[in-house]
Amino acid sequence: MTFDYMAIWDNRDILIDGVLTTLLVSTIAIPIGIFIGIVICMMRISDNRMLRWSSIVYIEFLRNIPFLILIFLVFYALPFYGLRLSGLTTGFICLSIYGGAYFAEIFRGGIQSVSKGQFDASKALGLKYGFYMRRVIFPQLYKYIIPPGTNIALTMIKESSLLSMITVAELTYAAHDVNGRTFTPVETFATIALLYWLISTVFLKLTHLLQVKFGAEDTQDGLTVR
């Protein structure tokens, strides 16, 4: 069996569009997921019982169902209640809130890793909660959250492949399209695997630069997320 390079080359425009859509979804969903994670984390460590339990339900629900089921719930169930979303919008929403649950626990783990003395000193100085969390605690979190946060973001990039199930024309959907046109599954999916590997490698290189900048490169990647 020979590798049919021309089948891939002749359909390169479809694959390029798939790569661009994957990058679009990921670059929007990851920052939103981080923002959601910060908000849910602050609710999780709040003294307000309603906020705390609401965040626990959010985190445990999203972490304990398959991402594909979440996609189907949003895309197929919401129209019964009068809310119909496009596949791409569904992808943005699902990937963001799914990642947010994991980022919330990463931020919580990072905050718990900061010495309790930092909190006590801030309170002793009469600093307000929002001020010392923003100016004292959060600047210390980089080395704790960047390594595990990188893993979650990378997982989100790869999980975006499931959006092909609701016809979002990302990379995996493009692969099915090309395979349907050319009947070359080996060549097509080998190429897709290579493209995902390239995207992931570039992403890891960029996050490594952040780790070096913030002194997080020596932090253990195994920070517990629970």
C-alpha atoms as a PDB file:
ATOM      1  CA  MET A   1       0.000   0.000   0.000  1.00  0.00           C
ATOM      2  CA  THR A   2       1.339   3.410  -0.957  1.00  0.00           C
ATOM      3  CA  PHE A   3       0.657   6.663   0.864  1.00  0.00           C
ATOM      4  CA  ASP A   4      -1.469   8.851  -1.386  1.00  0.00           C
ATOM      5  CA  TYR A   5      -0.011  12.311  -0.733  1.00  0.00           C
ATOM      6  CA  MET A   6      -2.018  13.905  -3.513  1.00  0.00           C
ATOM      7  CA  ALA A   7      -5.320  13.059  -1.821  1.00  0.00           C
ATOM      8  CA  ILE A   8      -4.243  15.294   1.054  1.00  0.00           C
ATOM      9  CA  TRP A   9      -2.668  17.988  -1.092  1.00  0.00           C
ATOM     10  CA  ASP A  10      -5.687  18.302  -3.366  1.00  0.00           C
ATOM     11  CA  ASN A  11      -7.922  18.850  -0.337  1.00  0.00           C
ATOM     12  CA  ARG A  12      -5.558  21.051   1.628  1.00  0.00           C
ATOM     13  CA  ASP A  13      -8.025  23.969   1.645  1.00  0.00           C
ATOM     14  CA  ILE A  14     -10.530  21.898   3.624  1.00  0.00           C
ATOM     15  CA  LEU A  15      -7.874  20.892   6.144  1.00  0.00           C
ATOM     16  CA  ILE A  16      -6.574  24.453   6.491  1.00  0.00           C
ATOM     17  CA  ASP A  17     -10.102  25.678   7.195  1.00  0.00           C
ATOM     18  CA  GLY A  18     -10.429  22.912   9.779  1.00  0.00           C
ATOM     19  CA  VAL A  19      -7.217  23.984  11.491  1.00  0.00           C
ATOM     20  CA  LEU A  20      -8.353  27.610  11.559  1.00  0.00           C
ATOM     21  CA  THR A  21     -11.724  26.662  13.054  1.00  0.00           C
ATOM     22  CA  THR A  22     -10.041  24.525  15.712  1.00  0.00           C
ATOM     23  CA  LEU A  23      -7.744  27.425  16.595  1.00  0.00           C
ATOM     24  CA  LEU A  24     -10.668  29.869  16.631  1.00  0.00           C
ATOM     25  CA  VAL A  25     -12.731  27.739  19.000  1.00  0.00           C
ATOM     26  CA  SER A  26      -9.756  27.069  21.274  1.00  0.00           C
ATOM     27  CA  THR A  27      -8.442  30.637  21.447  1.00  0.00           C
ATOM     28  CA  ILE A  28     -11.893  31.910  22.431  1.00  0.00           C
ATOM     29  CA  ALA A  29     -12.965  29.073  24.737  1.00  0.00           C
ATOM     30  CA  ILE A  30      -9.748  28.801  26.771  1.00  0.00           C
ATOM     31  CA  PRO A  31      -9.642  32.451  28.011  1.00  0.00           C
ATOM     32  CA  ILE A  32     -13.383  32.367  28.734  1.00  0.00           C
ATOM     33  CA  GLY A  33     -12.894  29.079  30.565  1.00  0.00           C
ATOM     34  CA  ILE A  34     -10.135  30.652  32.669  1.00  0.00           C
ATOM     35  CA  PHE A  35     -12.405  33.592  33.538  1.00  0.00           C
ATOM     36  CA  ILE A  36     -15.235  31.231  34.474  1.00  0.00           C
ATOM     37  CA  GLY A  37     -12.768  29.209  36.522  1.00  0.00           C
ATOM     38  CA  ILE A  38     -11.724  32.281  38.524  1.00  0.00           C
ATOM     39  CA  VAL A  39     -15.355  33.219  39.225  1.00  0.00           C
ATOM     40  CA  ILE A  40     -16.332  29.684  40.249  1.00  0.00           C
ATOM     41  CA  CYS A  41     -13.191  29.369  42.358  1.00  0.00           C
ATOM     42  CA  MET A  42     -14.053  32.531  44.295  1.00  0.00           C
ATOM     43  CA  MET A  43     -17.554  31.166  44.845  1.00  0.00           C
ATOM     44  CA  ARG A  44     -16.068  27.820  45.936  1.00  0.00           C
ATOM     45  CA  ILE A  45     -13.930  29.390  48.674  1.00  0.00           C
ATOM     46  CA  SER A  46     -16.599  31.887  49.719  1.00  0.00           C
ATOM     47  CA  ASP A  47     -18.084  31.857  53.222  1.00  0.00           C
ATOM     48  CA  ASN A  48     -21.519  32.206  51.632  1.00  0.00           C
ATOM     49  CA  ARG A  49     -23.070  28.752  51.755  1.00  0.00           C
ATOM     50  CA  MET A  50     -25.307  29.297  48.705  1.00  0.00           C
ATOM     51  CA  LEU A  51     -22.399  30.449  46.541  1.00  0.00           C
ATOM     52  CA  ARG A  52     -20.187  27.635  47.790  1.00  0.00           C
ATOM     53  CA  TRP A  53     -22.701  24.863  47.157  1.00  0.00           C
ATOM     54  CA  SER A  54     -23.717  26.301  43.786  1.00  0.00           C
ATOM     55  CA  SER A  55     -20.087  26.162  42.690  1.00  0.00           C
ATOM     56  CA  ILE A  56     -19.681  22.610  44.000  1.00  0.00           C
ATOM     57  CA  VAL A  57     -22.713  21.435  42.020  1.00  0.00           C
ATOM     58  CA  TYR A  58     -21.359  23.183  38.892  1.00  0.00           C
ATOM     59  CA  ILE A  59     -17.899  21.658  39.256  1.00  0.00           C
ATOM     60  CA  GLU A  60     -18.992  18.132  40.119  1.00  0.00           C
ATOM     61  CA  PHE A  61     -21.659  17.993  37.422  1.00  0.00           C
ATOM     62  CA  LEU A  62     -19.369  19.129  34.613  1.00  0.00           C
ATOM     63  CA  ARG A  63     -16.374  17.088  35.725  1.00  0.00           C
ATOM     64  CA  ASN A  64     -18.409  13.884  35.980  1.00  0.00           C
ATOM     65  CA  ILE A  65     -20.235  13.812  32.657  1.00  0.00           C
ATOM     66  CA  PRO A  66     -18.631  13.146  29.262  1.00  0.00           C
ATOM     67  CA  PHE A  67     -18.010  16.280  27.231  1.00  0.00           C
ATOM     68  CA  LEU A  68     -19.906  14.780  24.312  1.00  0.00           C
ATOM     69  CA  ILE A  69     -23.049  14.437  26.449  1.00  0.00           C
ATOM     70  CA  LEU A  70     -22.793  18.119  27.406  1.00  0.00           C
ATOM     71  CA  ILE A  71     -22.582  19.035  23.723  1.00  0.00           C
ATOM     72  CA  PHE A  72     -25.671  16.972  22.910  1.00  0.00           C
ATOM     73  CA  LEU A  73     -27.616  18.440  25.845  1.00  0.00           C
ATOM     74  CA  VAL A  74     -26.961  21.999  24.712  1.00  0.00           C
ATOM     75  CA  PHE A  75     -27.325  21.435  20.976  1.00  0.00           C
ATOM     76  CA  TYR A  76     -30.313  19.069  20.926  1.00  0.00           C
ATOM     77  CA  ALA A  77     -32.196  19.747  24.179  1.00  0.00           C
ATOM     78  CA  LEU A  78     -32.287  23.564  24.267  1.00  0.00           C
ATOM     79  CA  PRO A  79     -34.356  23.875  21.055  1.00  0.00           C
ATOM     80  CA  PHE A  80     -37.222  22.149  22.920  1.00  0.00           C
ATOM     81  CA  TYR A  81     -37.251  25.185  25.208  1.00  0.00           C
ATOM     82  CA  GLY A  82     -37.155  27.703  22.388  1.00  0.00           C
ATOM     83  CA  LEU A  83     -33.396  28.312  22.335  1.00  0.00           C
ATOM     84  CA  ARG A  84     -31.654  27.177  19.171  1.00  0.00           C
ATOM     85  CA  LEU A  85     -27.905  27.687  18.887  1.00  0.00           C
ATOM     86  CA  SER A  86     -25.580  27.155  15.951  1.00  0.00           C
ATOM     87  CA  GLY A  87     -22.995  24.409  16.170  1.00  0.00           C
ATOM     88  CA  LEU A  88     -20.142  26.901  16.515  1.00  0.00           C
ATOM     89  CA  THR A  89     -21.885  28.859  19.279  1.00  0.00           C
ATOM     90  CA  THR A  90     -22.641  25.597  21.069  1.00  0.00           C
ATOM     91  CA  GLY A  91     -18.969  24.709  20.790  1.00  0.00           C
ATOM     92  CA  PHE A  92     -17.850  27.994  22.331  1.00  0.00           C
ATOM     93  CA  ILE A  93     -20.296  27.656  25.213  1.00  0.00           C
ATOM     94  CA  CYS A  94     -19.731  23.983  25.982  1.00  0.00           C
ATOM     95  CA  LEU A  95     -15.957  24.080  25.770  1.00  0.00           C
ATOM     96  CA  SER A  96     -15.808  27.230  27.924  1.00  0.00           C
ATOM     97  CA  ILE A  97     -18.038  26.017  30.752  1.00  0.00           C
ATOM     98  CA  TYR A  98     -16.485  22.536  30.643  1.00  0.00           C
ATOM     99  CA  GLY A  99     -12.979  23.934  30.944  1.00  0.00           C
ATOM    100  CA  GLY A 100     -14.148  26.415  33.582  1.00  0.00           C
ATOM    101  CA  ALA A 101     -14.976  23.593  35.993  1.00  0.00           C
ATOM    102  CA  TYR A 102     -11.425  22.262  35.792  1.00  0.00           C
ATOM    103  CA  PHE A 103      -9.779  25.677  35.903  1.00  0.00           C
ATOM    104  CA  ALA A 104     -11.800  26.465  39.037  1.00  0.00           C
ATOM    105  CA  GLU A 105     -10.234  23.552  40.876  1.00  0.00           C
ATOM    106  CA  ILE A 106      -6.785  24.482  39.613  1.00  0.00           C
ATOM    107  CA  PHE A 107      -7.183  28.015  40.973  1.00  0.00           C
ATOM    108  CA  ARG A 108      -8.530  26.660  44.261  1.00  0.00           C
ATOM    109  CA  GLY A 109      -5.582  24.301  44.543  1.00  0.00           C
ATOM    110  CA  GLY A 110      -3.223  27.197  43.820  1.00  0.00           C
ATOM    111  CA  ILE A 111      -4.810  29.418  46.473  1.00  0.00           C
ATOM    112  CA  GLN A 112      -4.608  26.623  49.028  1.00  0.00           C
ATOM    113  CA  SER A 113      -0.904  26.229  48.202  1.00  0.00           C
ATOM    114  CA  VAL A 114      -0.177  29.813  49.273  1.00  0.00           C
ATOM    115  CA  SER A 115       1.059  30.051  52.852  1.00  0.00           C
ATOM    116  CA  LYS A 116      -1.704  30.790  55.357  1.00  0.00           C
ATOM    117  CA  GLY A 117       0.598  33.463  56.776  1.00  0.00           C
ATOM    118  CA  GLN A 118       0.055  35.519  53.628  1.00  0.00           C
ATOM    119  CA  PHE A 119      -3.675  35.668  54.333  1.00  0.00           C
ATOM    120  CA  ASP A 120      -3.169  36.403  58.028  1.00  0.00           C
ATOM    121  CA  ALA A 121      -0.682  39.203  57.294  1.00  0.00           C
ATOM    122  CA  SER A 122      -3.047  40.801  54.779  1.00  0.00           C
ATOM    123  CA  LYS A 123      -5.901  40.713  57.263  1.00  0.00           C
ATOM    124  CA  ALA A 124      -3.669  42.083  60.015  1.00  0.00           C
ATOM    125  CA  LEU A 125      -2.818  45.054  57.796  1.00  0.00           C
ATOM    126  CA  GLY A 126      -6.507  45.759  57.392  1.00  0.00           C
ATOM    127  CA  LEU A 127      -6.539  45.042  53.659  1.00  0.00           C
ATOM    128  CA  LYS A 128      -9.914  44.351  52.114  1.00  0.00           C
ATOM    129  CA  TYR A 129     -10.578  40.841  50.842  1.00  0.00           C
ATOM    130  CA  GLY A 130     -10.829  41.794  47.157  1.00  0.00           C
ATOM    131  CA  PHE A 131      -7.700  43.934  47.344  1.00  0.00           C
ATOM    132  CA  TYR A 132      -5.381  41.407  48.974  1.00  0.00           C
ATOM    133  CA  MET A 133      -6.664  38.557  46.814  1.00  0.00           C
ATOM    134  CA  ARG A 134      -5.976  40.634  43.688  1.00  0.00           C
ATOM    135  CA  ARG A 135      -2.691  42.245  44.755  1.00  0.00           C
ATOM    136  CA  VAL A 136      -1.159  39.746  47.197  1.00  0.00           C
ATOM    137  CA  ILE A 137      -2.477  36.224  46.615  1.00  0.00           C
ATOM    138  CA  PHE A 138      -3.142  35.969  42.872  1.00  0.00           C
ATOM    139  CA  PRO A 139       0.329  37.229  41.820  1.00  0.00           C
ATOM    140  CA  GLN A 140       1.779  34.257  43.704  1.00  0.00           C
ATOM    141  CA  LEU A 141      -0.360  31.685  41.897  1.00  0.00           C
ATOM    142  CA  TYR A 142       1.429  31.588  38.542  1.00  0.00           C
ATOM    143  CA  LYS A 143       3.893  28.896  39.506  1.00  0.00           C
ATOM    144  CA  TYR A 144       1.095  26.755  40.907  1.00  0.00           C
ATOM    145  CA  ILE A 145      -1.498  27.125  38.165  1.00  0.00           C
ATOM    146  CA  ILE A 146       0.428  27.365  34.884  1.00  0.00           C
ATOM    147  CA  PRO A 147       1.619  23.703  34.699  1.00  0.00           C
ATOM    148  CA  PRO A 148      -1.762  22.064  35.465  1.00  0.00           C
ATOM    149  CA  GLY A 149      -3.589  24.845  33.598  1.00  0.00           C
ATOM    150  CA  THR A 150      -1.538  24.009  30.512  1.00  0.00           C
ATOM    151  CA  ASN A 151      -2.731  20.409  30.711  1.00  0.00           C
ATOM    152  CA  ILE A 152      -6.376  21.484  30.915  1.00  0.00           C
ATOM    153  CA  ALA A 153      -6.024  23.946  28.025  1.00  0.00           C
ATOM    154  CA  LEU A 154      -4.336  21.258  25.924  1.00  0.00           C
ATOM    155  CA  THR A 155      -7.156  18.872  26.731  1.00  0.00           C
ATOM    156  CA  MET A 156      -9.669  21.519  25.615  1.00  0.00           C
ATOM    157  CA  ILE A 157      -7.901  21.842  22.267  1.00  0.00           C
ATOM    158  CA  LYS A 158      -8.134  18.095  21.703  1.00  0.00           C
ATOM    159  CA  GLU A 159     -11.695  17.842  23.052  1.00  0.00           C
ATOM    160  CA  SER A 160     -12.749  20.375  20.413  1.00  0.00           C
ATOM    161  CA  SER A 161     -12.616  17.432  17.988  1.00  0.00           C
ATOM    162  CA  LEU A 162     -15.928  16.243  19.459  1.00  0.00           C
ATOM    163  CA  LEU A 163     -17.624  19.317  18.027  1.00  0.00           C
ATOM    164  CA  SER A 164     -17.522  17.504  14.694  1.00  0.00           C
ATOM    165  CA  MET A 165     -20.513  15.546  16.036  1.00  0.00           C
ATOM    166  CA  ILE A 166     -22.664  18.682  15.713  1.00  0.00           C
ATOM    167  CA  THR A 167     -21.243  19.628  12.291  1.00  0.00           C
ATOM    168  CA  VAL A 168     -18.723  22.227  13.456  1.00  0.00           C
ATOM    169  CA  ALA A 169     -16.206  22.262  10.601  1.00  0.00           C
ATOM    170  CA  GLU A 170     -13.118  21.905  12.781  1.00  0.00           C
ATOM    171  CA  LEU A 171     -10.161  19.647  12.054  1.00  0.00           C
ATOM    172  CA  THR A 172     -11.788  16.271  12.724  1.00  0.00           C
ATOM    173  CA  TYR A 173     -14.875  17.226  10.745  1.00  0.00           C
ATOM    174  CA  ALA A 174     -12.576  18.277   7.894  1.00  0.00           C
ATOM    175  CA  ALA A 175     -10.890  14.873   8.085  1.00  0.00           C
ATOM    176  CA  HIS A 176     -14.226  13.090   7.672  1.00  0.00           C
ATOM    177  CA  ASP A 177     -15.027  15.378   4.755  1.00  0.00           C
ATOM    178  CA  VAL A 178     -11.736  14.631   3.007  1.00  0.00           C
ATOM    179  CA  ASN A 179     -12.046  10.917   3.686  1.00  0.00           C
ATOM    180  CA  GLY A 180     -15.554  10.917   2.251  1.00  0.00           C
ATOM    181  CA  ARG A 181     -14.262  12.535  -0.920  1.00  0.00           C
ATOM    182  CA  THR A 182     -11.103  10.477  -1.384  1.00  0.00           C
ATOM    183  CA  PHE A 183     -11.656   7.190   0.511  1.00  0.00           C
ATOM    184  CA  THR A 184      -8.151   7.455   1.968  1.00  0.00           C
ATOM    185  CA  PRO A 185      -8.631   6.945   5.736  1.00  0.00           C
ATOM    186  CA  VAL A 186      -5.005   6.114   6.499  1.00  0.00           C
ATOM    187  CA  GLU A 187      -3.593   9.166   4.751  1.00  0.00           C
ATOM    188  CA  THR A 188      -6.322  11.483   6.039  1.00  0.00           C
ATOM    189  CA  PHE A 189      -6.292  10.569   9.710  1.00  0.00           C
ATOM    190  CA  ALA A 190      -2.508  10.224   9.827  1.00  0.00           C
ATOM    191  CA  THR A 191      -2.345  13.797   8.543  1.00  0.00           C
ATOM    192  CA  ILE A 192      -4.906  14.941  11.114  1.00  0.00           C
ATOM    193  CA  ALA A 193      -2.923  13.280  13.902  1.00  0.00           C
ATOM    194  CA  LEU A 194       0.187  15.122  12.710  1.00  0.00           C
ATOM    195  CA  LEU A 195      -1.679  18.452  12.632  1.00  0.00           C
ATOM    196  CA  TYR A 196      -3.015  17.979  16.167  1.00  0.00           C
ATOM    197  CA  TRP A 197       0.500  17.097  17.280  1.00  0.00           C
ATOM    198  CA  LEU A 198       1.878  20.277  15.690  1.00  0.00           C
ATOM    199  CA  ILE A 199      -0.821  22.461  17.290  1.00  0.00           C
ATOM    200  CA  SER A 200      -0.213  20.871  20.691  1.00  0.00           C
ATOM    201  CA  THR A 201       3.565  21.182  20.405  1.00  0.00           C
ATOM    202  CA  VAL A 202       3.413  24.878  19.488  1.00  0.00           C
ATOM    203  CA  PHE A 203       0.964  25.484  22.338  1.00  0.00           C
ATOM    204  CA  LEU A 204       3.250  23.713  24.824  1.00  0.00           C
ATOM    205  CA  LYS A 205       6.231  25.758  23.641  1.00  0.00           C
ATOM    206  CA  LEU A 206       4.305  28.984  24.183  1.00  0.00           C
ATOM    207  CA  THR A 207       3.140  27.990  27.651  1.00  0.00           C
ATOM    208  CA  HIS A 208       6.693  26.934  28.521  1.00  0.00           C
ATOM    209  CA  LEU A 209       7.779  30.498  27.822  1.00  0.00           C
ATOM    210  CA  LEU A 210       5.145  31.652  30.319  1.00  0.00           C
ATOM    211  CA  GLN A 211       6.401  29.145  32.866  1.00  0.00           C
ATOM    212  CA  VAL A 212       9.946  30.447  32.476  1.00  0.00           C
ATOM    213  CA  LYS A 213       8.780  34.075  32.696  1.00  0.00           C
ATOM    214  CA  PHE A 214       6.875  33.491  35.932  1.00  0.00           C
ATOM    215  CA  GLY A 215       9.343  31.014  37.423  1.00  0.00           C
ATOM    216  CA  ALA A 216       6.950  28.091  37.189  1.00  0.00           C
ATOM    217  CA  GLU A 217       9.169  25.722  35.236  1.00  0.00           C
ATOM    218  CA  ASP A 218      10.382  23.930  38.362  1.00  0.00           C
ATOM    219  CA  THR A 219       6.927  23.472  39.859  1.00  0.00           C
ATOM    220  CA  GLN A 220       5.617  19.948  39.965  1.00  0.00           C
ATOM    221  CA  ASP A 221       3.063  19.248  37.258  1.00  0.00           C
ATOM    222  CA  GLY A 222       1.271  16.941  39.617  1.00  0.00           C
ATOM    223  CA  LEU A 223      -0.552  19.636  41.567  1.00  0.00           C
ATOM    224  CA  THR A 224      -3.642  17.894  42.834  1.00  0.00           C
ATOM    225  CA  VAL A 225      -6.870  18.986  41.209  1.00  0.00           C
ATOM    226  CA  ARG A 226      -9.656  17.961  43.509  1.00  0.00           C
END
